[in-house]
Every structure is written in C-alpha cells, then in structure tokens.
Amino acid sequence: MKCLNIGCGKKRFPGAINIDIRRTEAVDLVHDLNKIPWPFEDGYFDRILALDVLEHLDDLIAAMEEIHRITKPGALIQ
C-alpha cells in the first residue's frame, strides 16, 4: 500500500512518504504543498493522511483536486 502523509511536521507515519515544507526528523520529502502540481504521478497513492494540514494551505480546493489526482480510485483519505 502506497501512503502519503502530507504536512507531517514532526509526526512521522511509518511506511508512508512524509512530506512537509520544512525539514524535520520526520520528513522524507521537502515540498511546499501550495505549489501545484505536487511531485507525484497521477493515481499513485492508496492512502493519504492529511492530519491538521488542509486548513493551513492557501487554496483548499486546489489541494483537494491534487489529492484526487494523485490517489487511486477507492483510495482512503484521512
């Protein structure tokens, strides 16, 4: 299962790609989530974790469209 933890901060999720705007010990990939497109292929992820992050993004609709783009049909979004 391919999992992405967006806006992870210091909360690393084992087995996921942990992405945030700043490097911490938890981050695998540094990327500003306000810069679209995100650096992933269409339909790549089975699961997206977005814990306490969406409210901090500049454009919620664009972020949700990007989540839709990078997830497989039937993906779990939390």
C-alpha atoms as a PDB file:
ATOM      1  CA  MET A   1       0.000   0.000   0.000  1.00  0.00           C
ATOM      2  CA  LYS A   2       1.435   3.365  -1.029  1.00  0.00           C
ATOM      3  CA  CYS A   3       0.715   6.028   1.581  1.00  0.00           C
ATOM      4  CA  LEU A   4       1.414   9.780   1.693  1.00  0.00           C
ATOM      5  CA  ASN A   5       1.429  11.792   4.912  1.00  0.00           C
ATOM      6  CA  ILE A   6       1.015  15.434   3.875  1.00  0.00           C
ATOM      7  CA  GLY A   7       2.082  18.236   6.172  1.00  0.00           C
ATOM      8  CA  CYS A   8       3.626  15.738   8.563  1.00  0.00           C
ATOM      9  CA  GLY A   9       5.581  18.257  10.643  1.00  0.00           C
ATOM     10  CA  LYS A  10       7.199  16.151  13.373  1.00  0.00           C
ATOM     11  CA  LYS A  11       4.649  13.306  13.109  1.00  0.00           C
ATOM     12  CA  ARG A  12       6.277  10.591  11.039  1.00  0.00           C
ATOM     13  CA  PHE A  13       3.976   7.829   9.824  1.00  0.00           C
ATOM     14  CA  PRO A  14       5.926   4.580   9.338  1.00  0.00           C
ATOM     15  CA  GLY A  15       5.674   3.163   5.829  1.00  0.00           C
ATOM     16  CA  ALA A  16       4.463   6.460   4.324  1.00  0.00           C
ATOM     17  CA  ILE A  17       6.167   9.166   2.343  1.00  0.00           C
ATOM     18  CA  ASN A  18       6.164  12.006   4.883  1.00  0.00           C
ATOM     19  CA  ILE A  19       6.095  15.416   3.207  1.00  0.00           C
ATOM     20  CA  ASP A  20       6.283  18.943   4.612  1.00  0.00           C
ATOM     21  CA  ILE A  21       7.517  22.420   3.728  1.00  0.00           C
ATOM     22  CA  ARG A  22      10.360  22.267   6.275  1.00  0.00           C
ATOM     23  CA  ARG A  23      12.919  19.586   7.015  1.00  0.00           C
ATOM     24  CA  THR A  24      12.426  17.812  10.362  1.00  0.00           C
ATOM     25  CA  GLU A  25      13.494  14.378  11.531  1.00  0.00           C
ATOM     26  CA  ALA A  26      10.102  13.075  10.331  1.00  0.00           C
ATOM     27  CA  VAL A  27      10.236  14.452   6.761  1.00  0.00           C
ATOM     28  CA  ASP A  28      11.178  12.300   3.764  1.00  0.00           C
ATOM     29  CA  LEU A  29      10.425  14.930   1.129  1.00  0.00           C
ATOM     30  CA  VAL A  30      10.513  18.710   1.438  1.00  0.00           C
ATOM     31  CA  HIS A  31       7.885  20.409  -0.731  1.00  0.00           C
ATOM     32  CA  ASP A  32       5.613  23.457  -0.404  1.00  0.00           C
ATOM     33  CA  LEU A  33       2.109  21.984  -0.749  1.00  0.00           C
ATOM     34  CA  ASN A  34       0.892  25.367  -2.031  1.00  0.00           C
ATOM     35  CA  LYS A  35       2.996  24.748  -5.166  1.00  0.00           C
ATOM     36  CA  ILE A  36       0.973  22.643  -7.556  1.00  0.00           C
ATOM     37  CA  PRO A  37       1.399  20.138  -9.077  1.00  0.00           C
ATOM     38  CA  TRP A  38       2.792  18.065  -6.241  1.00  0.00           C
ATOM     39  CA  PRO A  39       5.741  15.877  -7.286  1.00  0.00           C
ATOM     40  CA  PHE A  40       3.808  12.614  -7.683  1.00  0.00           C
ATOM     41  CA  GLU A  41       2.319  10.682 -10.579  1.00  0.00           C
ATOM     42  CA  ASP A  42      -1.416  10.507 -11.210  1.00  0.00           C
ATOM     43  CA  GLY A  43      -3.155   7.684  -9.353  1.00  0.00           C
ATOM     44  CA  TYR A  44      -0.091   6.723  -7.325  1.00  0.00           C
ATOM     45  CA  PHE A  45      -1.330   6.509  -3.713  1.00  0.00           C
ATOM     46  CA  ASP A  46      -3.693   4.094  -1.963  1.00  0.00           C
ATOM     47  CA  ARG A  47      -3.908   6.236   1.166  1.00  0.00           C
ATOM     48  CA  ILE A  48      -3.455   9.903   2.060  1.00  0.00           C
ATOM     49  CA  LEU A  49      -3.046  11.196   5.593  1.00  0.00           C
ATOM     50  CA  ALA A  50      -3.858  14.898   5.964  1.00  0.00           C
ATOM     51  CA  LEU A  51      -3.898  15.454   9.696  1.00  0.00           C
ATOM     52  CA  ASP A  52      -4.164  19.115  10.772  1.00  0.00           C
ATOM     53  CA  VAL A  53      -2.812  20.463   7.486  1.00  0.00           C
ATOM     54  CA  LEU A  54      -5.547  21.390   4.993  1.00  0.00           C
ATOM     55  CA  GLU A  55      -6.626  24.474   6.941  1.00  0.00           C
ATOM     56  CA  HIS A  56      -3.093  25.863   6.560  1.00  0.00           C
ATOM     57  CA  LEU A  57      -2.991  25.697   2.753  1.00  0.00           C
ATOM     58  CA  ASP A  58      -3.689  28.750   0.588  1.00  0.00           C
ATOM     59  CA  ASP A  59      -6.225  27.062  -1.714  1.00  0.00           C
ATOM     60  CA  LEU A  60      -8.222  24.186  -0.212  1.00  0.00           C
ATOM     61  CA  ILE A  61      -9.989  23.391  -3.493  1.00  0.00           C
ATOM     62  CA  ALA A  62      -6.676  23.126  -5.368  1.00  0.00           C
ATOM     63  CA  ALA A  63      -5.269  20.882  -2.623  1.00  0.00           C
ATOM     64  CA  MET A  64      -8.306  18.598  -2.767  1.00  0.00           C
ATOM     65  CA  GLU A  65      -8.029  18.421  -6.566  1.00  0.00           C
ATOM     66  CA  GLU A  66      -4.365  17.500  -6.192  1.00  0.00           C
ATOM     67  CA  ILE A  67      -5.211  14.793  -3.629  1.00  0.00           C
ATOM     68  CA  HIS A  68      -7.786  13.440  -6.085  1.00  0.00           C
ATOM     69  CA  ARG A  69      -5.220  13.477  -8.902  1.00  0.00           C
ATOM     70  CA  ILE A  70      -2.537  11.521  -7.025  1.00  0.00           C
ATOM     71  CA  THR A  71      -4.803   8.870  -5.495  1.00  0.00           C
ATOM     72  CA  LYS A  72      -6.042   5.631  -6.988  1.00  0.00           C
ATOM     73  CA  PRO A  73      -9.793   5.048  -7.294  1.00  0.00           C
ATOM     74  CA  GLY A  74     -11.102   3.908  -3.919  1.00  0.00           C
ATOM     75  CA  ALA A  75      -8.152   5.351  -2.006  1.00  0.00           C
ATOM     76  CA  LEU A  76      -8.525   6.079   1.694  1.00  0.00           C
ATOM     77  CA  ILE A  77      -8.170   9.747   2.652  1.00  0.00           C
ATOM     78  CA  GLN A  78      -7.905  10.600   6.317  1.00  0.00           C
END
